Protein backbone atom coordinates (compact mmCIF):
# COMPACT_ATOMS: atom_id res chain seq x y z
CA UNK A 1 -4.46 -4.89 10.29
CA UNK A 2 -2.48 -4.89 7.05
CA UNK A 3 -4.23 -8.07 5.95
CA UNK A 4 -7.63 -6.42 6.42
CA UNK A 5 -6.51 -3.50 4.27
CA UNK A 6 -5.08 -5.79 1.56
CA UNK A 7 -8.24 -7.91 1.42
CA UNK A 8 -10.34 -4.74 1.15
CA UNK A 9 -8.33 -3.58 -1.87
CA UNK A 10 -8.51 -7.04 -3.45
CA UNK A 11 -12.26 -7.14 -2.83
CA UNK A 12 -12.58 -3.80 -4.59
CA UNK A 13 -10.66 -5.03 -7.64
CA UNK A 14 -12.52 -8.35 -7.77
CA UNK A 15 -16.09 -7.38 -6.88
CA UNK A 16 -16.23 -3.64 -6.20
CA UNK A 17 -16.06 -2.61 -9.85
CA UNK A 18 -19.15 -3.23 -11.97
CA UNK A 19 -17.58 -5.03 -14.90
CA UNK A 20 -18.58 -8.45 -16.29
CA UNK A 21 -15.20 -9.08 -17.99
CA UNK A 22 -13.59 -10.83 -15.04
CA UNK A 23 -16.33 -13.21 -13.94
CA UNK A 24 -18.55 -13.27 -17.03
CA UNK A 25 -21.32 -11.41 -15.23
CA UNK A 26 -21.52 -8.07 -13.42
CA UNK A 27 -21.17 -8.25 -9.61
CA UNK A 28 -24.51 -6.44 -9.50
CA UNK A 29 -26.15 -9.60 -10.81
CA UNK A 30 -24.72 -12.14 -8.36
CA UNK A 31 -23.34 -10.19 -5.40
CA UNK A 32 -25.42 -7.04 -5.11
CA UNK A 33 -24.95 -6.30 -1.36
CA UNK A 34 -21.29 -7.37 -1.42
CA UNK A 35 -20.60 -5.24 -4.47
CA UNK A 36 -22.00 -2.15 -2.78
CA UNK A 37 -19.85 -2.80 0.29
CA UNK A 38 -16.66 -3.56 -1.64
CA UNK A 39 -16.91 -0.54 -3.90
CA UNK A 40 -15.42 1.22 -0.85
CA UNK A 41 -12.58 -1.32 -0.69
CA UNK A 42 -10.14 1.18 -2.23
CA UNK A 43 -10.09 2.77 1.23
CA UNK A 44 -7.76 -0.08 2.12
CA UNK A 45 -5.00 2.00 0.49
CA UNK A 46 -5.73 4.86 2.89
CA UNK A 47 -5.66 2.33 5.73
CA UNK A 48 -2.23 1.14 4.54
CA UNK A 49 -0.88 4.68 4.80
CA UNK A 50 -2.18 5.05 8.36
CA UNK A 51 -0.53 1.75 9.32
CA UNK A 52 2.65 2.84 7.56
CA UNK A 53 2.79 6.02 9.63
CA UNK A 54 2.66 3.89 12.79
CA UNK A 55 4.98 1.08 11.68
CA UNK A 56 7.66 3.23 10.03
CA UNK A 57 7.79 5.57 13.00
CA UNK A 58 8.24 2.52 15.26
CA UNK A 59 10.77 0.62 13.13
CA UNK A 60 12.92 3.67 12.32
CA UNK A 61 13.15 4.98 15.87
CA UNK A 62 16.78 5.29 16.95
CA UNK A 63 18.17 4.28 13.55
CA UNK A 64 20.46 6.22 11.24
CA UNK A 65 19.28 7.11 7.72
CA UNK A 66 21.59 4.40 6.35
CA UNK A 67 20.18 1.72 8.65
CA UNK A 68 16.67 2.82 7.76
CA UNK A 69 17.46 2.60 4.03
CA UNK A 70 18.84 -0.92 4.46
CA UNK A 71 15.70 -2.06 6.28
CA UNK A 72 13.37 -0.62 3.61
CA UNK A 73 15.34 -1.89 0.60
CA UNK A 74 15.66 -5.41 2.01
CA UNK A 75 11.99 -5.42 2.98
CA UNK A 76 10.38 -4.08 -0.18
CA UNK A 77 12.48 -5.03 -3.19
CA UNK A 78 12.70 -8.87 -3.09
CA UNK A 79 8.95 -9.50 -3.32
CA UNK A 80 8.52 -6.56 -5.70
CA UNK A 81 11.18 -7.81 -8.12
CA UNK A 82 9.63 -11.27 -8.05
CA UNK A 83 6.17 -9.82 -8.74
CA UNK A 84 7.46 -7.84 -11.73
CA UNK A 85 9.14 -10.94 -13.19
CA UNK A 86 5.92 -12.93 -12.74
CA UNK A 87 3.83 -10.17 -14.29
CA UNK A 88 6.14 -9.97 -17.32
CA UNK A 89 5.90 -13.76 -17.69
CA UNK A 90 2.10 -13.58 -17.42
CA UNK A 91 1.87 -10.89 -20.10
CA UNK A 92 4.14 -12.89 -22.41
CA UNK A 93 2.27 -16.16 -21.91
CA UNK A 94 -1.32 -14.97 -21.38
CA UNK A 95 -1.67 -11.46 -22.82
CA UNK A 96 -4.90 -9.56 -22.35
CA UNK A 97 -6.75 -8.39 -25.46
CA UNK A 98 -5.59 -4.79 -25.01
CA UNK A 99 -1.90 -5.75 -24.82
CA UNK A 100 0.63 -5.12 -27.56
CA UNK A 101 3.16 -7.51 -26.04
CA UNK A 102 6.24 -6.06 -27.73
CA UNK A 103 5.52 -2.57 -26.38
CA UNK A 104 4.09 -3.52 -22.97
CA UNK A 105 7.08 -5.61 -21.90
CA UNK A 106 9.77 -3.76 -23.83
CA UNK A 107 13.09 -4.06 -21.92
CA UNK A 108 13.06 -0.31 -21.26
CA UNK A 109 9.67 -0.58 -19.58
CA UNK A 110 10.66 -3.64 -17.56
CA UNK A 111 13.89 -1.99 -16.36
CA UNK A 112 12.01 1.15 -15.32
CA UNK A 113 9.51 -0.94 -13.38
CA UNK A 114 12.27 -2.88 -11.62
CA UNK A 115 13.41 0.40 -10.07
CA UNK A 116 9.98 0.63 -8.36
CA UNK A 117 9.61 4.21 -9.62
CA UNK A 118 8.57 3.96 -13.29
CA UNK A 119 6.15 6.86 -12.92
CA UNK A 120 9.02 9.22 -12.15
CA UNK A 121 10.60 8.10 -15.44
CA UNK A 122 7.29 8.62 -17.31
CA UNK A 123 6.88 4.88 -17.85
CA UNK A 124 3.61 2.98 -17.36
CA UNK A 125 3.27 0.70 -14.35
CA UNK A 126 3.33 -3.04 -15.01
CA UNK A 127 1.81 -3.57 -11.57
CA UNK A 128 -1.08 -1.14 -11.22
CA UNK A 129 -1.02 -1.08 -7.41
CA UNK A 130 2.67 -0.08 -7.32
CA UNK A 131 1.76 3.63 -7.39
CA UNK A 132 1.26 3.33 -3.64
CA UNK A 133 4.90 2.25 -3.24
CA UNK A 134 5.95 5.52 -4.85
CA UNK A 135 3.91 7.41 -2.25
CA UNK A 136 5.50 5.29 0.50
CA UNK A 137 8.99 6.01 -0.86
CA UNK A 138 8.37 9.76 -0.63
CA UNK A 139 7.32 9.25 2.99
CA UNK A 140 10.53 7.31 3.63
CA UNK A 141 12.60 10.20 2.27
CA UNK A 142 10.89 12.57 4.68
CA UNK A 143 11.51 10.16 7.56
CA UNK A 144 15.18 9.79 6.57
CA UNK A 145 15.55 13.56 6.87
CA UNK A 146 14.19 13.41 10.43
CA UNK A 147 16.46 10.48 11.31
CA UNK A 148 19.49 12.52 10.20
CA UNK A 149 18.87 14.77 13.21
CA UNK A 150 18.03 11.92 15.58
CA UNK A 151 14.63 10.76 16.80
CA UNK A 152 13.16 12.36 19.88
CA UNK A 153 9.60 12.97 20.97
CA UNK A 154 9.92 16.72 20.38
CA UNK A 155 11.47 16.35 16.92
CA UNK A 156 8.89 13.85 15.76
CA UNK A 157 6.08 16.04 17.06
CA UNK A 158 7.59 19.05 15.32
CA UNK A 159 7.99 17.12 12.07
CA UNK A 160 4.35 16.00 12.14
CA UNK A 161 3.13 19.54 12.80
CA UNK A 162 5.29 21.08 10.06
CA UNK A 163 4.27 18.37 7.59
CA UNK A 164 0.59 18.98 8.30
CA UNK A 165 1.00 22.74 7.84
CA UNK A 166 2.89 22.09 4.59
CA UNK A 167 -0.12 20.12 3.37
CA UNK A 168 -2.30 23.19 3.84
CA UNK A 169 0.26 25.36 2.03
CA UNK A 170 0.34 23.02 -0.98
CA UNK A 171 -3.45 22.95 -1.16
CA UNK A 172 -3.51 26.74 -1.00
CA UNK A 173 -0.79 27.32 -3.62
CA UNK A 174 -1.64 24.34 -5.87
CA UNK A 175 2.10 23.70 -6.27
CA UNK A 176 2.59 20.33 -7.97
CA UNK A 177 6.36 20.60 -7.42
CA UNK A 178 5.99 20.95 -3.66
CA UNK A 179 3.32 18.27 -3.61
CA UNK A 180 5.85 15.72 -4.89
CA UNK A 181 7.54 16.09 -1.50
CA UNK A 182 4.61 16.95 0.77
CA UNK A 183 2.07 14.35 -0.46
CA UNK A 184 -0.76 16.65 0.56
CA UNK A 185 -3.49 14.16 -0.39
CA UNK A 186 -2.20 11.67 2.19
CA UNK A 187 -0.42 13.84 4.78
CA UNK A 188 -3.14 13.39 7.39
CA UNK A 189 -3.06 9.60 7.07
CA UNK A 190 0.67 9.28 7.73
CA UNK A 191 0.61 11.88 10.51
CA UNK A 192 -2.35 10.16 12.19
CA UNK A 193 -0.46 6.85 12.22
CA UNK A 194 2.62 8.56 13.65
CA UNK A 195 0.54 10.28 16.33
CA UNK A 196 -0.90 6.93 17.42
CA UNK A 197 2.63 5.51 17.64
CA UNK A 198 3.76 8.44 19.80
CA UNK A 199 0.79 7.68 22.09
CA UNK A 200 1.87 4.04 22.12
CA UNK A 201 5.48 4.89 23.01
CA UNK A 202 5.08 7.89 25.31
CA UNK A 203 1.50 7.71 26.53
CA UNK A 204 -1.50 9.84 25.70
CA UNK A 205 -1.58 13.59 26.26
CA UNK A 206 -3.53 16.59 25.03
CA UNK A 207 -0.87 17.61 22.50
CA UNK A 208 -0.92 14.21 20.79
CA UNK A 209 -4.71 14.09 20.75
CA UNK A 210 -4.72 17.58 19.19
CA UNK A 211 -2.24 16.42 16.55
CA UNK A 212 -4.30 13.31 15.81
CA UNK A 213 -7.56 15.27 15.64
CA UNK A 214 -6.06 17.92 13.36
CA UNK A 215 -4.56 15.31 11.02
CA UNK A 216 -7.80 13.37 10.83
CA UNK A 217 -9.96 16.44 10.21
CA UNK A 218 -7.57 17.43 7.41
CA UNK A 219 -7.70 13.97 5.85
CA UNK A 220 -11.47 13.63 5.97
CA UNK A 221 -11.74 16.89 4.05
CA UNK A 222 -9.15 15.66 1.51
CA UNK A 223 -11.08 12.40 1.18
CA UNK A 224 -13.47 14.04 -1.27
CA UNK A 225 -10.69 14.29 -3.86
CA UNK A 226 -10.18 10.53 -3.69
CA UNK A 227 -13.93 9.96 -3.95
CA UNK A 228 -13.94 11.92 -7.20
CA UNK A 229 -11.72 9.23 -8.70
CA UNK A 230 -13.86 6.34 -7.48
CA UNK A 231 -17.41 6.63 -8.83
CA UNK A 232 -20.05 4.33 -7.43
CA UNK A 233 -20.95 3.39 -11.00
CA UNK A 234 -18.17 3.58 -13.59
CA UNK A 235 -19.11 5.61 -16.63
CA UNK A 236 -21.40 7.89 -14.62
CA UNK A 237 -20.96 10.90 -12.35
CA UNK A 238 -22.48 9.09 -9.35
CA UNK A 239 -19.89 9.09 -6.56
CA UNK A 240 -19.47 6.96 -3.48
CA UNK A 241 -20.86 8.52 -0.30
CA UNK A 242 -18.42 10.76 1.58
CA UNK A 243 -20.27 9.98 4.82
CA UNK A 244 -19.88 6.22 4.37
CA UNK A 245 -16.22 6.53 3.31
CA UNK A 246 -15.41 8.82 6.25
CA UNK A 247 -17.14 6.46 8.70
CA UNK A 248 -15.29 3.41 7.33
CA UNK A 249 -11.90 5.11 7.42
CA UNK A 250 -12.51 6.45 10.92
CA UNK A 251 -13.59 2.99 12.01
CA UNK A 252 -10.26 1.64 10.80
CA UNK A 253 -8.38 4.31 12.76
CA UNK A 254 -10.33 3.34 15.88
CA UNK A 255 -9.49 -0.33 15.26
CA UNK A 256 -5.79 0.55 14.95
CA UNK A 257 -5.94 2.43 18.24
CA UNK A 258 -7.73 -0.45 19.96
CA UNK A 259 -5.05 -2.83 18.67
CA UNK A 260 -2.13 -0.67 19.81
CA UNK A 261 -3.11 1.49 22.78
CA UNK A 262 -6.43 -0.15 23.65
CA UNK A 263 -7.64 -3.49 25.05
CA UNK A 264 -6.92 -5.41 21.83
CA UNK A 265 -3.19 -4.73 22.29
CA UNK A 266 -3.05 -7.75 24.61
CA UNK A 267 -4.53 -10.10 22.00
CA UNK A 268 -1.86 -12.27 20.37
CA UNK A 269 -2.74 -14.84 17.72
CA UNK A 270 0.25 -16.59 16.19
CA UNK A 271 -1.48 -17.09 12.85
CA UNK A 272 -1.70 -13.32 12.45
CA UNK A 273 2.10 -13.18 12.08
CA UNK A 274 1.95 -15.50 9.07
CA UNK A 275 -1.08 -13.70 7.65
CA UNK A 276 0.70 -10.37 8.00
CA UNK A 277 3.76 -11.74 6.20
CA UNK A 278 1.63 -12.65 3.17
CA UNK A 279 0.04 -9.21 2.93
CA UNK A 280 2.72 -7.47 0.87
CA UNK A 281 3.22 -10.16 -1.81
CA UNK A 282 -0.56 -10.68 -1.99
CA UNK A 283 -1.07 -6.97 -2.53
CA UNK A 284 1.50 -6.98 -5.34
CA UNK A 285 0.03 -9.89 -7.33
CA UNK A 286 -3.71 -9.84 -6.62
CA UNK A 287 -4.57 -7.41 -9.44
CA UNK A 288 -1.93 -7.77 -12.16
CA UNK A 289 -2.01 -11.58 -11.99
CA UNK A 290 -5.30 -12.30 -10.19
CA UNK A 291 -7.60 -10.32 -12.49
CA UNK A 292 -6.30 -11.93 -15.73
CA UNK A 293 -6.49 -15.31 -14.00
CA UNK A 294 -10.15 -14.69 -13.21
CA UNK A 295 -10.82 -13.81 -16.85
CA UNK A 296 -9.05 -16.97 -18.07
CA UNK A 297 -11.05 -19.11 -15.63
CA UNK A 298 -14.25 -17.51 -16.92
CA UNK A 299 -13.29 -18.33 -20.51
CA UNK A 300 -12.10 -21.90 -20.00
CA UNK A 301 -13.63 -23.36 -16.82
CA UNK A 302 -17.01 -21.70 -16.64
CA UNK A 303 -18.45 -24.88 -15.12
CA UNK A 304 -16.87 -23.86 -11.79
CA UNK A 305 -19.51 -21.18 -11.38
CA UNK A 306 -18.88 -17.57 -10.42
CA UNK A 307 -18.17 -18.18 -6.74
CA UNK A 308 -16.00 -21.18 -7.56
CA UNK A 309 -13.87 -19.08 -9.89
CA UNK A 310 -13.59 -16.35 -7.26
CA UNK A 311 -12.48 -18.85 -4.59
CA UNK A 312 -9.93 -20.43 -6.94
CA UNK A 313 -8.54 -17.02 -7.86
CA UNK A 314 -8.24 -15.79 -4.27
CA UNK A 315 -6.84 -19.12 -3.09
CA UNK A 316 -4.30 -19.15 -5.92
CA UNK A 317 -3.16 -15.62 -5.12
CA UNK A 318 -2.73 -16.52 -1.43
CA UNK A 319 -0.73 -19.62 -2.37
CA UNK A 320 1.42 -17.61 -4.78
CA UNK A 321 1.97 -15.02 -2.05
CA UNK A 322 3.10 -17.73 0.36
CA UNK A 323 5.56 -19.11 -2.20
CA UNK A 324 6.95 -15.63 -2.90
CA UNK A 325 7.35 -15.03 0.82
CA UNK A 326 9.06 -18.34 1.59
CA UNK A 327 11.16 -18.82 -1.55
CA UNK A 328 12.09 -15.25 -2.46
CA UNK A 329 11.22 -12.61 0.11
CA UNK A 330 12.77 -14.23 3.19
CA UNK A 331 16.05 -15.56 1.74
CA UNK A 332 16.74 -12.63 -0.60
CA UNK A 333 15.66 -10.10 2.01
CA UNK A 334 18.04 -11.64 4.54
CA UNK A 335 20.87 -11.63 2.00
CA UNK A 336 20.31 -7.98 1.05
CA UNK A 337 20.02 -6.92 4.68
CA UNK A 338 23.32 -8.56 5.64
CA UNK A 339 25.22 -7.34 2.57
CA UNK A 340 23.89 -3.80 2.69
CA UNK A 341 24.49 -3.51 6.43
CA UNK A 342 28.08 -4.63 5.87
CA UNK A 343 28.46 -2.10 3.07
CA UNK A 344 27.45 0.72 5.44
CA UNK A 345 30.66 0.24 7.39
CA UNK A 346 33.68 2.18 6.22
CA UNK A 347 35.44 -0.04 3.67
CA UNK A 348 39.17 -0.64 3.56
CA UNK A 349 40.94 0.99 0.65
CA UNK A 350 41.84 -1.40 -2.15
CA UNK A 351 45.58 -1.89 -2.50
CA UNK A 352 46.85 -0.96 -5.97
């Protein structure tokens, strides 16, 4: 499921935007039907948030806030740090025309990006897709607050209901301060994923279906705000279709439900485990490294043809993702998990 979402986002960045800079020719000229499909690929981000609601609710159940923090830090930071280092190296070695290298990779900017929250420090993102990690981190803080009281069916239901109501309050009051905590643009996505997990764990009932329906109705209304930032034709006021976007996003929710509480839950393909493991590093590098790579291929190996350059770019990003996963993410993640878990235990006072 995560791989589908990641490929959708990558497809949007590679072919969903009508710009000739990357491939030497506009996608409208060589991939007209595909371009019109992939210009909705940004919905993969929304799909990620639905999956996150399900997965985080599942993986955090029964854990303490400290244990939850250890699992998230050891899971997210190794690949992210590696991606930032690679992006800095790429900018230094192969800068894009718009880059002032000294300012773009100034140590202050790099350090801020290594925290994963440069936006909070008013620093530009080196990895454009990392804004979604900031949204995820806010969700984790909310979940940690729930875990502090212990996870039960009633508490999780209550949290979802209160969070959804808070989304309405923020939209009514237009409070940007509250929205930093409530994430009103994405509340329905996370709550929907959590509702599906509660169905998965406790079985379906009218209350959970009501929660899911309310969250989804809320999110489909909020979807228009996201559409306003994704025109069908950049430089114009022509927007993507709300009907198409709503249908695609709802289709993904249905697919998630089929894969968790439906007949597809019994399907187990071993290769999906490996594919899922590559999703996060692929998501991190596909734009900040993949797009400049496509432009360099267009400039220097045009004889490959458009589709050849696209295949080389996608294949290279998948290979890079595999290397990040095997050489950095797994060993460093394991090390951090063990060390941080040990640090959670009450330490012995140092003799002086």
